[in-house]
């Protein structure tokens, strides 16, 4: 179950798809290829001027954040979250 997609940026996400950005479903598929598990949250954010999807995935080893470039689909980082 995805708890949130684009965190209130839905209109912006729809516009981005029309402007050669990947949509959240594609970003999720890319993330799950690298970190199999259950997607618990998806956020759209800007980091250093780059629009990224931050995808949080729950695994048996913990929660991981996978950042995907929203324009290219390139994985920017994979990071295990520590509380």
Protein backbone atom coordinates (compact mmCIF):
# COMPACT_ATOMS: atom_id res chain seq x y z
CA UNK A 1 0.00 0.00 0.00
CA UNK A 2 1.34 3.41 -0.93
CA UNK A 3 0.50 5.86 1.83
CA UNK A 4 1.10 9.00 -0.14
CA UNK A 5 2.02 9.81 -3.70
CA UNK A 6 3.55 13.19 -4.43
CA UNK A 7 2.49 14.64 -1.07
CA UNK A 8 0.05 17.24 -2.39
CA UNK A 9 1.95 17.75 -5.62
CA UNK A 10 -0.52 15.71 -7.68
CA UNK A 11 -1.22 18.49 -10.16
CA UNK A 12 2.49 19.15 -10.52
CA UNK A 13 3.10 15.41 -11.03
CA UNK A 14 0.49 15.28 -13.78
CA UNK A 15 2.10 18.29 -15.45
CA UNK A 16 5.56 16.73 -15.13
CA UNK A 17 4.47 13.60 -17.00
CA UNK A 18 3.51 15.82 -19.91
CA UNK A 19 6.90 17.57 -19.73
CA UNK A 20 9.13 14.49 -20.15
CA UNK A 21 9.34 13.51 -16.50
CA UNK A 22 8.72 9.95 -15.38
CA UNK A 23 5.63 9.32 -13.30
CA UNK A 24 5.63 7.93 -9.77
CA UNK A 25 4.70 4.41 -10.92
CA UNK A 26 7.82 4.19 -13.11
CA UNK A 27 9.96 5.57 -10.28
CA UNK A 28 8.54 2.93 -7.93
CA UNK A 29 9.34 0.13 -10.40
CA UNK A 30 12.93 1.38 -10.69
CA UNK A 31 13.33 1.57 -6.91
CA UNK A 32 11.87 -1.89 -6.31
CA UNK A 33 14.31 -3.42 -8.81
CA UNK A 34 17.13 -2.29 -6.51
CA UNK A 35 15.43 -2.68 -3.12
CA UNK A 36 12.71 -5.34 -3.09
CA UNK A 37 10.09 -4.74 -0.43
CA UNK A 38 6.89 -2.87 0.35
CA UNK A 39 6.59 0.77 -0.73
CA UNK A 40 5.31 2.77 2.23
CA UNK A 41 5.67 6.35 1.03
CA UNK A 42 6.51 8.35 -2.09
CA UNK A 43 7.41 12.03 -2.04
CA UNK A 44 8.33 14.47 -4.76
CA UNK A 45 11.10 16.84 -3.74
CA UNK A 46 13.78 19.14 -5.10
CA UNK A 47 17.41 18.50 -4.18
CA UNK A 48 20.06 20.89 -5.46
CA UNK A 49 17.74 22.02 -8.24
CA UNK A 50 16.92 18.46 -9.34
CA UNK A 51 13.36 17.12 -8.99
CA UNK A 52 13.50 13.69 -7.34
CA UNK A 53 11.12 11.02 -6.17
CA UNK A 54 11.94 9.90 -2.64
CA UNK A 55 10.64 6.36 -2.33
CA UNK A 56 10.56 4.71 1.07
CA UNK A 57 10.60 0.91 1.06
CA UNK A 58 10.12 -1.39 4.04
CA UNK A 59 12.23 -4.57 3.95
CA UNK A 60 13.08 -7.28 6.46
CA UNK A 61 16.34 -5.36 7.06
CA UNK A 62 14.74 -1.98 7.72
CA UNK A 63 13.41 1.00 5.80
CA UNK A 64 15.29 2.31 2.80
CA UNK A 65 15.01 5.61 0.97
CA UNK A 66 15.63 5.43 -2.77
CA UNK A 67 15.97 8.76 -4.58
CA UNK A 68 15.16 8.73 -8.30
CA UNK A 69 15.79 11.61 -10.73
CA UNK A 70 12.28 12.49 -11.94
CA UNK A 71 13.51 13.48 -15.40
CA UNK A 72 15.95 10.65 -16.21
CA UNK A 73 14.88 7.79 -13.94
CA UNK A 74 18.45 7.51 -12.67
CA UNK A 75 18.94 6.34 -9.10
CA UNK A 76 20.60 9.14 -7.15
CA UNK A 77 21.02 7.34 -3.86
CA UNK A 78 19.93 4.36 -1.80
CA UNK A 79 20.09 4.90 1.92
CA UNK A 80 18.99 2.86 4.92
CA UNK A 81 16.97 4.93 7.37
CA UNK A 82 18.02 4.80 11.03
CA UNK A 83 15.72 6.09 13.77
